[in-house]
Amino acid sequence: MGLFDIFKEKPTTLGAFHGMDLREWNDGYKSDDKSIIKFVNSKLKSISHENFLNFLKKRESYRKFVDQEANEIMNKISVTEPEGMSSIGLTKLGFAFYKRSFLNCSEDENMAGFRIVDTDVTYEKKEGVKFEKSKTLIIISVHNNQKWWGERINYEKEMRTIGFQFVDLDKTEYEFLKIFEEGLSQNNLKLNDTWNNFVSQGYKELFDTEKRKAYPINRFQSYLAFEE
């Protein structure tokens, strides 16, 4: 670190990132990081930074993430949806708010956003996919693991893991959480309190039930995201 680096202002947003779906290497239980690293480094050796981002945009289940300040405390991360066949069976997030204080803190703490949204599809382990109207809690986690990836992949800017967890709510779960539904989606003076209350009460109590101890989430997606 240079002498003047200590006077630089810390970034307040992530900016724009382009996401590569990791389903080829991540089954929800373990991730084949060695193969991910080998695949990406091989691509980066043969094409430019700009062409690599264009390559990502053509991959199945591509998403773009754009992070902006929402207010003095919270940030808003907007998410594009996969197109074509990749969109079937997915519940749309659109955006979520997270606390800026978690940006670039320790690797043990992630930036987390939450929304309760309408869905046309649900999934249960025993029953499989159902196309029906319901409610889903979507959790987006942006990991502060840019240093780990940067030490292993020869990309000129930052990389982070971004994960989605889809919790398809039954009627009892939704009745319990619906008091947070509107507040988690609105950028107003109550947003920070709503986020805090959801984490300390709604989230904690939902995942402390016997059902969610045995079957925490219904669906997931995992991305390696590359800074624009």
Protein backbone atom coordinates (compact mmCIF):
# COMPACT_ATOMS: atom_id res chain seq x y z
CA MET A 1 0.00 0.00 0.00
CA GLY A 2 1.34 3.42 -0.96
CA LEU A 3 1.40 6.44 1.32
CA PHE A 4 -1.53 8.10 -0.41
CA ASP A 5 -3.68 4.95 -0.52
CA ILE A 6 -4.81 5.59 3.05
CA PHE A 7 -6.43 8.84 1.88
CA LYS A 8 -8.44 7.20 -0.89
CA GLU A 9 -12.17 7.05 -0.32
CA LYS A 10 -13.53 3.55 0.10
CA PRO A 11 -15.92 2.46 -2.68
CA THR A 12 -19.57 2.76 -1.75
CA THR A 13 -20.94 0.42 -4.44
CA LEU A 14 -19.86 -2.67 -6.32
CA GLY A 15 -20.53 -1.10 -9.71
CA ALA A 16 -21.45 -3.53 -12.52
CA PHE A 17 -20.64 -7.24 -12.63
CA HIS A 18 -21.30 -9.96 -15.22
CA GLY A 19 -22.28 -13.37 -13.88
CA MET A 20 -21.23 -16.84 -15.05
CA ASP A 21 -23.60 -19.57 -13.86
CA LEU A 22 -21.66 -22.22 -11.94
CA ARG A 23 -24.15 -25.09 -12.24
CA GLU A 24 -21.62 -27.08 -14.29
CA TRP A 25 -19.29 -27.16 -11.29
CA ASN A 26 -21.58 -26.66 -8.26
CA ASP A 27 -24.29 -29.14 -7.24
CA GLY A 28 -25.35 -27.29 -4.09
CA TYR A 29 -23.25 -29.49 -1.83
CA LYS A 30 -19.75 -28.95 -3.17
CA SER A 31 -18.04 -26.73 -5.72
CA ASP A 32 -15.29 -27.88 -8.10
CA ASP A 33 -13.27 -24.69 -7.78
CA LYS A 34 -10.20 -26.15 -9.51
CA SER A 35 -12.19 -26.77 -12.68
CA ILE A 36 -13.76 -23.29 -12.54
CA ILE A 37 -10.32 -21.70 -12.25
CA LYS A 38 -8.92 -23.81 -15.08
CA PHE A 39 -11.88 -23.02 -17.36
CA VAL A 40 -11.76 -19.25 -16.79
CA ASN A 41 -7.98 -18.93 -17.05
CA SER A 42 -8.03 -20.91 -20.28
CA LYS A 43 -10.57 -18.49 -21.77
CA LEU A 44 -8.71 -15.41 -20.57
CA LYS A 45 -5.51 -16.61 -22.24
CA SER A 46 -7.17 -16.67 -25.65
CA ILE A 47 -9.42 -13.59 -25.67
CA SER A 48 -9.38 -9.97 -24.51
CA HIS A 49 -11.12 -8.62 -21.41
CA GLU A 50 -13.92 -7.12 -23.55
CA ASN A 51 -14.41 -10.31 -25.54
CA PHE A 52 -14.49 -12.35 -22.35
CA LEU A 53 -17.41 -10.25 -21.07
CA ASN A 54 -19.16 -10.74 -24.41
CA PHE A 55 -18.55 -14.48 -24.04
CA LEU A 56 -20.23 -14.40 -20.62
CA LYS A 57 -23.27 -12.57 -22.03
CA LYS A 58 -23.86 -15.44 -24.48
CA ARG A 59 -23.63 -18.19 -21.88
CA GLU A 60 -26.73 -19.90 -20.58
CA SER A 61 -28.29 -18.32 -17.47
CA TYR A 62 -26.18 -15.14 -17.80
CA ARG A 63 -27.06 -12.36 -15.36
CA LYS A 64 -25.83 -8.80 -14.97
CA PHE A 65 -25.59 -7.21 -11.53
CA VAL A 66 -25.60 -3.43 -11.01
CA ASP A 67 -25.07 -1.96 -7.54
CA GLN A 68 -26.04 1.61 -6.59
CA GLU A 69 -26.48 3.65 -3.43
CA ALA A 70 -30.11 3.64 -2.33
CA ASN A 71 -29.79 5.93 0.68
CA GLU A 72 -27.24 6.81 3.36
CA ILE A 73 -27.19 3.28 4.77
CA MET A 74 -28.49 0.87 2.14
CA ASN A 75 -27.48 -0.12 -1.39
CA LYS A 76 -29.71 -1.47 -4.14
CA ILE A 77 -28.44 -4.32 -6.31
CA SER A 78 -30.37 -4.83 -9.54
CA VAL A 79 -30.33 -8.17 -11.32
CA THR A 80 -31.19 -9.10 -14.90
CA GLU A 81 -33.04 -12.35 -15.53
CA PRO A 82 -31.81 -15.22 -17.74
CA GLU A 83 -33.51 -15.41 -21.13
CA GLY A 84 -34.97 -18.27 -23.16
CA MET A 85 -35.06 -21.78 -21.71
CA SER A 86 -32.89 -20.67 -18.78
CA SER A 87 -35.78 -18.57 -17.43
CA ILE A 88 -38.14 -21.54 -17.07
CA GLY A 89 -38.46 -22.60 -13.46
CA LEU A 90 -36.97 -19.40 -12.06
CA THR A 91 -38.61 -16.87 -9.79
CA LYS A 92 -37.73 -13.28 -10.70
CA LEU A 93 -35.93 -11.10 -8.14
CA GLY A 94 -35.40 -7.80 -10.02
CA PHE A 95 -33.57 -6.10 -7.16
CA ALA A 96 -32.81 -6.26 -3.45
CA PHE A 97 -31.44 -3.93 -0.79
CA TYR A 98 -28.45 -4.67 1.43
CA LYS A 99 -26.52 -2.78 4.13
CA ARG A 100 -23.53 -0.92 2.73
CA SER A 101 -21.51 -1.60 5.88
CA PHE A 102 -21.04 -5.19 4.68
CA LEU A 103 -19.35 -4.04 1.45
CA ASN A 104 -15.71 -5.18 1.37
CA CYS A 105 -15.63 -6.23 5.00
CA SER A 106 -14.24 -9.61 6.06
CA GLU A 107 -14.63 -12.76 3.95
CA ASP A 108 -16.70 -14.22 6.78
CA GLU A 109 -19.45 -11.65 6.24
CA ASN A 110 -21.49 -11.37 3.05
CA MET A 111 -23.72 -8.68 1.61
CA ALA A 112 -27.24 -10.08 1.82
CA GLY A 113 -30.48 -8.83 0.31
CA PHE A 114 -33.96 -10.24 0.81
CA ARG A 115 -37.29 -9.99 -1.01
CA ILE A 116 -40.60 -11.82 -0.80
CA VAL A 117 -42.03 -12.00 -4.32
CA ASP A 118 -44.81 -13.57 -6.36
CA THR A 119 -43.88 -16.74 -8.18
CA ASP A 120 -45.43 -19.01 -10.79
CA VAL A 121 -43.20 -21.97 -9.98
CA THR A 122 -42.27 -23.86 -6.82
CA TYR A 123 -40.15 -26.89 -6.06
CA GLU A 124 -40.36 -29.59 -3.42
CA LYS A 125 -37.91 -32.44 -3.07
CA LYS A 126 -40.60 -35.13 -3.08
CA GLU A 127 -43.02 -33.54 -5.54
CA GLY A 128 -40.61 -31.82 -7.95
CA VAL A 129 -41.48 -28.68 -9.92
CA LYS A 130 -44.99 -27.29 -9.73
CA PHE A 131 -46.29 -24.45 -11.89
CA GLU A 132 -48.55 -22.66 -9.46
CA LYS A 133 -48.92 -19.20 -7.98
CA SER A 134 -47.27 -18.80 -4.60
CA LYS A 135 -44.80 -16.67 -2.65
CA THR A 136 -41.02 -17.09 -2.55
CA LEU A 137 -38.41 -15.58 -0.28
CA ILE A 138 -35.32 -14.86 -2.38
CA ILE A 139 -31.99 -14.36 -0.63
CA ILE A 140 -29.13 -12.92 -2.66
CA SER A 141 -25.66 -13.17 -1.11
CA VAL A 142 -22.69 -11.25 -2.51
CA HIS A 143 -19.49 -12.67 -1.08
CA ASN A 144 -16.43 -10.68 -0.03
CA ASN A 145 -14.12 -13.32 -1.54
CA GLN A 146 -12.64 -11.17 -4.30
CA LYS A 147 -9.13 -11.61 -2.91
CA TRP A 148 -9.40 -15.42 -2.99
CA TRP A 149 -10.47 -15.48 -6.64
CA GLY A 150 -7.96 -12.76 -7.58
CA GLU A 151 -5.09 -14.92 -6.36
CA ARG A 152 -6.16 -17.77 -8.64
CA ILE A 153 -7.66 -16.26 -11.79
CA ASN A 154 -5.80 -13.89 -14.11
CA TYR A 155 -8.59 -11.34 -14.53
CA GLU A 156 -7.73 -7.65 -14.49
CA LYS A 157 -10.57 -6.60 -12.19
CA GLU A 158 -12.53 -7.99 -9.25
CA MET A 159 -14.41 -11.28 -9.11
CA ARG A 160 -16.93 -12.36 -6.49
CA THR A 161 -19.24 -15.29 -5.85
CA ILE A 162 -22.93 -14.33 -5.88
CA GLY A 163 -25.55 -16.81 -4.75
CA PHE A 164 -29.34 -17.02 -4.88
CA GLN A 165 -31.43 -19.06 -2.47
CA PHE A 166 -35.11 -19.54 -3.26
CA VAL A 167 -37.34 -20.44 -0.31
CA ASP A 168 -40.83 -21.37 -1.53
CA LEU A 169 -43.11 -20.41 1.34
CA ASP A 170 -46.04 -22.48 2.52
CA LYS A 171 -49.12 -20.68 3.83
CA THR A 172 -47.96 -20.66 7.46
CA GLU A 173 -44.51 -19.34 6.54
CA TYR A 174 -45.93 -16.62 4.34
CA GLU A 175 -48.42 -15.48 7.00
CA PHE A 176 -45.50 -15.12 9.39
CA LEU A 177 -43.27 -13.19 6.95
CA LYS A 178 -45.76 -11.07 5.02
CA ILE A 179 -45.34 -8.12 7.41
CA PHE A 180 -41.87 -7.70 5.84
CA GLU A 181 -42.95 -8.15 2.19
CA GLU A 182 -43.67 -4.54 1.32
CA GLY A 183 -40.94 -3.00 3.48
CA LEU A 184 -38.11 -5.05 1.97
CA SER A 185 -39.04 -3.75 -1.49
CA GLN A 186 -39.38 -0.03 -0.75
CA ASN A 187 -36.59 2.52 -0.45
CA ASN A 188 -37.91 4.72 2.31
CA LEU A 189 -37.00 5.87 5.83
CA LYS A 190 -38.10 2.53 7.31
CA LEU A 191 -35.98 0.35 5.01
CA ASN A 192 -33.00 -0.02 7.35
CA ASP A 193 -35.24 -0.93 10.31
CA THR A 194 -37.22 -3.39 8.19
CA TRP A 195 -34.00 -5.08 7.02
CA ASN A 196 -32.69 -5.30 10.60
CA ASN A 197 -35.98 -6.65 11.95
CA PHE A 198 -36.24 -9.22 9.20
CA VAL A 199 -32.73 -10.53 9.89
CA SER A 200 -33.16 -10.64 13.67
CA GLN A 201 -36.74 -11.95 13.70
CA GLY A 202 -38.16 -13.18 10.40
CA TYR A 203 -35.07 -14.87 8.98
CA LYS A 204 -33.93 -16.29 12.30
CA GLU A 205 -37.30 -17.76 13.26
CA LEU A 206 -38.07 -19.10 9.78
CA PHE A 207 -34.88 -21.14 9.62
CA ASP A 208 -35.28 -22.26 13.22
CA THR A 209 -38.40 -24.27 12.37
CA GLU A 210 -38.21 -28.04 12.10
CA LYS A 211 -39.19 -27.87 8.44
CA ARG A 212 -36.39 -25.49 7.50
CA LYS A 213 -33.84 -27.24 9.68
CA ALA A 214 -34.47 -30.36 7.58
CA TYR A 215 -35.01 -28.61 4.23
CA PRO A 216 -33.64 -25.05 4.36
CA ILE A 217 -34.13 -23.94 0.75
CA ASN A 218 -36.02 -25.15 -2.31
CA ARG A 219 -33.81 -23.95 -5.15
CA PHE A 220 -30.48 -22.20 -5.64
CA GLN A 221 -28.23 -20.56 -8.19
CA SER A 222 -24.54 -19.75 -7.87
CA TYR A 223 -22.51 -17.32 -9.99
CA LEU A 224 -18.93 -16.18 -10.38
CA ALA A 225 -19.31 -12.49 -11.19
CA PHE A 226 -16.71 -10.41 -13.04
CA GLU A 227 -16.41 -6.66 -12.64
CA GLU A 228 -17.12 -4.66 -15.79
